Amino acid sequence: MNLTISGHQLEVTDALRNYARVKAQRLTDNQDKVLDAHMILGTEKLAQYAEATVNLRGKTLFAKAEGQDVYAAIDGLIDKLDRQLVRHKERAGDHRGADHFEH
């Protein structure tokens, strides 16, 4: 998976970039259809946030999460995207299996 990480009013340090890459690896562990992802890390007033757009074959997912710090926001973001990927995978499986059970 090709992952690009950028900052919005926030400097993306090497430690932050490595943390995001390790966490994002979880998205490809159970889903081989992830083509690429773009993650934006930033700060708004007192909140830290992370948002990402993930491109799959034929679908685009988006999620945004806020946290006490950027690391917590990344954790929340990956959790949200993971749930979306699982839901997408289940729906794709439901559509394929539907033809076999209709009479």
N, C-alpha and C. Protein backbone atom coordinates (compact mmCIF):
# COMPACT_ATOMS: atom_id res chain seq x y z
N MET A 1 0.84 -1.17 0.00
CA MET A 1 0.00 0.00 0.00
C MET A 1 0.89 1.24 0.00
N ASN A 2 0.52 2.18 -0.84
CA ASN A 2 1.22 3.45 -0.90
C ASN A 2 0.56 4.41 0.07
N LEU A 3 1.28 4.87 1.08
CA LEU A 3 0.74 5.76 2.09
C LEU A 3 1.48 7.09 2.06
N THR A 4 0.71 8.18 1.89
CA THR A 4 1.31 9.51 1.98
C THR A 4 0.77 10.18 3.24
N ILE A 5 1.65 10.85 3.93
CA ILE A 5 1.29 11.50 5.20
C ILE A 5 1.69 12.97 5.10
N SER A 6 0.76 13.84 5.41
CA SER A 6 1.08 15.26 5.41
C SER A 6 0.52 15.91 6.67
N GLY A 7 1.02 17.09 6.96
CA GLY A 7 0.60 17.80 8.16
C GLY A 7 -0.13 19.08 7.82
N HIS A 8 -1.10 19.42 8.63
CA HIS A 8 -1.83 20.67 8.48
C HIS A 8 -1.64 21.46 9.77
N GLN A 9 -0.88 22.52 9.69
CA GLN A 9 -0.49 23.31 10.86
C GLN A 9 0.21 22.45 11.91
N LEU A 10 0.96 21.48 11.43
CA LEU A 10 1.66 20.53 12.30
C LEU A 10 2.86 19.98 11.55
N GLU A 11 4.00 19.93 12.21
CA GLU A 11 5.18 19.33 11.59
C GLU A 11 5.13 17.82 11.80
N VAL A 12 5.22 17.07 10.70
CA VAL A 12 5.19 15.62 10.78
C VAL A 12 6.63 15.14 11.00
N THR A 13 6.92 14.73 12.24
CA THR A 13 8.26 14.26 12.58
C THR A 13 8.45 12.82 12.10
N ASP A 14 9.68 12.36 12.09
CA ASP A 14 9.95 10.98 11.69
C ASP A 14 9.25 10.00 12.62
N ALA A 15 9.25 10.29 13.92
CA ALA A 15 8.59 9.40 14.89
C ALA A 15 7.09 9.32 14.60
N LEU A 16 6.48 10.44 14.30
CA LEU A 16 5.05 10.48 13.99
C LEU A 16 4.76 9.74 12.69
N ARG A 17 5.61 9.95 11.70
CA ARG A 17 5.45 9.28 10.39
C ARG A 17 5.58 7.76 10.56
N ASN A 18 6.57 7.31 11.32
CA ASN A 18 6.76 5.86 11.54
C ASN A 18 5.58 5.27 12.30
N TYR A 19 5.09 5.98 13.30
CA TYR A 19 3.94 5.49 14.08
C TYR A 19 2.73 5.32 13.17
N ALA A 20 2.47 6.31 12.32
CA ALA A 20 1.33 6.24 11.40
C ALA A 20 1.48 5.08 10.42
N ARG A 21 2.69 4.87 9.91
CA ARG A 21 2.92 3.76 8.97
C ARG A 21 2.69 2.40 9.62
N VAL A 22 3.20 2.23 10.84
CA VAL A 22 3.01 0.96 11.55
C VAL A 22 1.53 0.71 11.79
N LYS A 23 0.81 1.73 12.25
CA LYS A 23 -0.62 1.58 12.51
C LYS A 23 -1.40 1.31 11.22
N ALA A 24 -1.05 1.99 10.14
CA ALA A 24 -1.75 1.83 8.87
C ALA A 24 -1.52 0.44 8.28
N GLN A 25 -0.44 -0.20 8.66
CA GLN A 25 -0.17 -1.56 8.17
C GLN A 25 -1.30 -2.50 8.56
N ARG A 26 -1.97 -2.22 9.67
CA ARG A 26 -3.10 -3.04 10.12
C ARG A 26 -4.22 -3.08 9.07
N LEU A 27 -4.35 -2.01 8.29
CA LEU A 27 -5.39 -1.95 7.28
C LEU A 27 -5.15 -2.93 6.14
N THR A 28 -3.89 -3.19 5.85
CA THR A 28 -3.59 -4.10 4.75
C THR A 28 -3.43 -5.55 5.22
N ASP A 29 -3.32 -5.75 6.53
CA ASP A 29 -3.17 -7.12 7.02
C ASP A 29 -4.38 -7.98 6.71
N ASN A 30 -5.59 -7.42 6.85
CA ASN A 30 -6.78 -8.22 6.61
C ASN A 30 -7.48 -7.83 5.31
N GLN A 31 -6.89 -6.95 4.53
CA GLN A 31 -7.53 -6.48 3.31
C GLN A 31 -6.48 -6.27 2.24
N ASP A 32 -6.50 -7.09 1.21
CA ASP A 32 -5.49 -6.97 0.16
C ASP A 32 -5.91 -6.01 -0.95
N LYS A 33 -7.09 -5.47 -0.88
CA LYS A 33 -7.58 -4.60 -1.94
C LYS A 33 -7.27 -3.12 -1.71
N VAL A 34 -6.53 -2.79 -0.67
CA VAL A 34 -6.18 -1.40 -0.41
C VAL A 34 -5.09 -0.98 -1.39
N LEU A 35 -5.40 0.02 -2.21
CA LEU A 35 -4.43 0.47 -3.21
C LEU A 35 -3.51 1.54 -2.63
N ASP A 36 -4.11 2.60 -2.09
CA ASP A 36 -3.29 3.64 -1.49
C ASP A 36 -4.11 4.42 -0.47
N ALA A 37 -3.41 5.22 0.32
CA ALA A 37 -4.07 6.00 1.35
C ALA A 37 -3.33 7.33 1.51
N HIS A 38 -4.10 8.34 1.85
CA HIS A 38 -3.51 9.66 2.13
C HIS A 38 -3.99 10.08 3.51
N MET A 39 -3.05 10.32 4.41
CA MET A 39 -3.38 10.68 5.78
C MET A 39 -2.94 12.12 6.04
N ILE A 40 -3.84 12.88 6.66
CA ILE A 40 -3.52 14.26 7.05
C ILE A 40 -3.59 14.35 8.56
N LEU A 41 -2.50 14.81 9.16
CA LEU A 41 -2.43 15.00 10.61
C LEU A 41 -2.41 16.49 10.87
N GLY A 42 -3.18 16.92 11.86
CA GLY A 42 -3.20 18.35 12.09
C GLY A 42 -3.73 18.73 13.44
N THR A 43 -3.82 20.04 13.62
CA THR A 43 -4.32 20.59 14.87
C THR A 43 -5.34 21.68 14.54
N GLU A 44 -6.43 21.67 15.30
CA GLU A 44 -7.47 22.69 15.16
C GLU A 44 -7.78 23.21 16.56
N LYS A 45 -7.52 24.45 16.81
CA LYS A 45 -7.73 25.05 18.13
C LYS A 45 -7.03 24.19 19.19
N LEU A 46 -7.80 23.52 20.06
CA LEU A 46 -7.18 22.71 21.11
C LEU A 46 -7.16 21.23 20.78
N ALA A 47 -7.76 20.83 19.66
CA ALA A 47 -7.87 19.41 19.32
C ALA A 47 -6.83 19.00 18.29
N GLN A 48 -6.36 17.78 18.43
CA GLN A 48 -5.48 17.17 17.44
C GLN A 48 -6.34 16.21 16.62
N TYR A 49 -6.08 16.13 15.33
CA TYR A 49 -6.90 15.23 14.52
C TYR A 49 -6.06 14.49 13.49
N ALA A 50 -6.66 13.41 13.00
CA ALA A 50 -6.08 12.64 11.91
C ALA A 50 -7.23 12.27 10.99
N GLU A 51 -7.03 12.43 9.70
CA GLU A 51 -8.04 12.02 8.74
C GLU A 51 -7.35 11.31 7.60
N ALA A 52 -8.10 10.44 6.95
CA ALA A 52 -7.49 9.67 5.87
C ALA A 52 -8.52 9.33 4.81
N THR A 53 -8.05 9.27 3.58
CA THR A 53 -8.81 8.78 2.45
C THR A 53 -8.11 7.52 1.98
N VAL A 54 -8.85 6.42 1.93
CA VAL A 54 -8.28 5.14 1.53
C VAL A 54 -8.95 4.70 0.23
N ASN A 55 -8.15 4.42 -0.78
CA ASN A 55 -8.67 3.98 -2.06
C ASN A 55 -8.59 2.46 -2.18
N LEU A 56 -9.74 1.86 -2.40
CA LEU A 56 -9.82 0.42 -2.66
C LEU A 56 -10.13 0.24 -4.13
N ARG A 57 -10.20 -0.98 -4.57
CA ARG A 57 -10.64 -1.24 -5.94
C ARG A 57 -12.13 -0.95 -6.01
N GLY A 58 -12.50 0.15 -6.67
CA GLY A 58 -13.90 0.47 -6.86
C GLY A 58 -14.57 1.22 -5.73
N LYS A 59 -13.86 1.59 -4.69
CA LYS A 59 -14.49 2.30 -3.56
C LYS A 59 -13.44 3.16 -2.86
N THR A 60 -13.92 4.27 -2.29
CA THR A 60 -13.06 5.15 -1.50
C THR A 60 -13.66 5.30 -0.12
N LEU A 61 -12.85 5.12 0.91
CA LEU A 61 -13.28 5.26 2.29
C LEU A 61 -12.65 6.53 2.88
N PHE A 62 -13.38 7.17 3.79
CA PHE A 62 -12.87 8.35 4.46
C PHE A 62 -13.23 8.27 5.94
N ALA A 63 -12.31 8.70 6.78
CA ALA A 63 -12.58 8.76 8.22
C ALA A 63 -11.77 9.90 8.82
N LYS A 64 -12.29 10.41 9.94
CA LYS A 64 -11.59 11.47 10.68
C LYS A 64 -11.78 11.19 12.16
N ALA A 65 -10.72 11.38 12.93
CA ALA A 65 -10.78 11.15 14.37
C ALA A 65 -9.99 12.24 15.08
N GLU A 66 -10.47 12.59 16.27
CA GLU A 66 -9.77 13.56 17.11
C GLU A 66 -9.30 12.88 18.38
N GLY A 67 -8.27 13.45 18.99
CA GLY A 67 -7.75 12.86 20.21
C GLY A 67 -7.02 13.90 21.05
N GLN A 68 -6.60 13.46 22.24
CA GLN A 68 -5.84 14.34 23.14
C GLN A 68 -4.51 14.76 22.50
N ASP A 69 -3.93 13.83 21.75
CA ASP A 69 -2.72 14.13 20.99
C ASP A 69 -2.85 13.45 19.62
N VAL A 70 -1.87 13.67 18.76
CA VAL A 70 -1.94 13.13 17.41
C VAL A 70 -1.88 11.60 17.43
N TYR A 71 -1.12 11.04 18.35
CA TYR A 71 -1.02 9.57 18.43
C TYR A 71 -2.38 8.95 18.74
N ALA A 72 -3.12 9.55 19.67
CA ALA A 72 -4.46 9.04 20.01
C ALA A 72 -5.40 9.22 18.81
N ALA A 73 -5.26 10.32 18.09
CA ALA A 73 -6.09 10.55 16.90
C ALA A 73 -5.81 9.51 15.83
N ILE A 74 -4.54 9.15 15.65
CA ILE A 74 -4.17 8.11 14.67
C ILE A 74 -4.80 6.78 15.08
N ASP A 75 -4.72 6.44 16.36
CA ASP A 75 -5.32 5.18 16.84
C ASP A 75 -6.82 5.15 16.54
N GLY A 76 -7.52 6.25 16.84
CA GLY A 76 -8.95 6.31 16.58
C GLY A 76 -9.26 6.23 15.10
N LEU A 77 -8.44 6.88 14.30
CA LEU A 77 -8.63 6.86 12.85
C LEU A 77 -8.49 5.44 12.29
N ILE A 78 -7.44 4.75 12.71
CA ILE A 78 -7.21 3.39 12.20
C ILE A 78 -8.34 2.46 12.63
N ASP A 79 -8.84 2.63 13.87
CA ASP A 79 -9.99 1.83 14.33
C ASP A 79 -11.20 2.06 13.43
N LYS A 80 -11.49 3.31 13.11
CA LYS A 80 -12.64 3.62 12.26
C LYS A 80 -12.47 3.03 10.86
N LEU A 81 -11.29 3.19 10.29
CA LEU A 81 -11.05 2.66 8.95
C LEU A 81 -11.10 1.14 8.94
N ASP A 82 -10.59 0.51 9.99
CA ASP A 82 -10.62 -0.94 10.08
C ASP A 82 -12.06 -1.44 10.09
N ARG A 83 -12.92 -0.78 10.87
CA ARG A 83 -14.34 -1.16 10.91
C ARG A 83 -14.99 -0.99 9.53
N GLN A 84 -14.65 0.10 8.84
CA GLN A 84 -15.21 0.32 7.51
C GLN A 84 -14.75 -0.76 6.53
N LEU A 85 -13.48 -1.15 6.63
CA LEU A 85 -12.96 -2.20 5.74
C LEU A 85 -13.63 -3.53 6.00
N VAL A 86 -13.83 -3.87 7.28
CA VAL A 86 -14.50 -5.12 7.62
C VAL A 86 -15.93 -5.11 7.08
N ARG A 87 -16.63 -3.99 7.27
CA ARG A 87 -18.00 -3.86 6.77
C ARG A 87 -18.03 -3.98 5.25
N HIS A 88 -17.08 -3.34 4.58
CA HIS A 88 -17.00 -3.41 3.12
C HIS A 88 -16.75 -4.84 2.66
N LYS A 89 -15.86 -5.53 3.35
CA LYS A 89 -15.53 -6.91 3.00
C LYS A 89 -16.74 -7.82 3.19
N GLU A 90 -17.49 -7.61 4.29
CA GLU A 90 -18.69 -8.42 4.54
C GLU A 90 -19.75 -8.16 3.49
N ARG A 91 -19.94 -6.92 3.11
CA ARG A 91 -20.94 -6.59 2.09
C ARG A 91 -20.55 -7.19 0.75
N ALA A 92 -19.28 -7.12 0.40
CA ALA A 92 -18.82 -7.70 -0.86
C ALA A 92 -19.05 -9.20 -0.86
N GLY A 93 -18.80 -9.84 0.27
CA GLY A 93 -19.04 -11.28 0.38
C GLY A 93 -20.51 -11.61 0.30
N ASP A 94 -21.38 -10.75 0.89
CA ASP A 94 -22.82 -10.98 0.85
C ASP A 94 -23.33 -10.93 -0.59
N HIS A 95 -22.83 -10.01 -1.38
CA HIS A 95 -23.30 -9.88 -2.75
C HIS A 95 -22.89 -11.08 -3.60
N ARG A 96 -21.70 -11.56 -3.39
CA ARG A 96 -21.24 -12.73 -4.15
C ARG A 96 -22.02 -13.98 -3.76
N GLY A 97 -22.28 -14.14 -2.49
CA GLY A 97 -22.95 -15.34 -2.02
C GLY A 97 -24.44 -15.35 -2.28
N ALA A 98 -25.04 -14.19 -2.56
CA ALA A 98 -26.49 -14.11 -2.74
C ALA A 98 -26.97 -14.91 -3.95
N ASP A 99 -26.20 -14.95 -5.01
CA ASP A 99 -26.62 -15.65 -6.22
C ASP A 99 -26.73 -17.15 -5.99
N HIS A 100 -25.90 -17.69 -5.12
CA HIS A 100 -25.88 -19.13 -4.91
C HIS A 100 -27.05 -19.64 -4.10
N PHE A 101 -27.69 -18.77 -3.32
CA PHE A 101 -28.74 -19.24 -2.42
C PHE A 101 -30.14 -18.91 -2.92
N GLU A 102 -30.26 -18.17 -4.01
CA GLU A 102 -31.60 -17.86 -4.52
C GLU A 102 -32.11 -19.02 -5.35
N HIS A 103 -33.40 -19.29 -5.22
CA HIS A 103 -34.02 -20.37 -6.01
C HIS A 103 -35.15 -19.84 -6.84
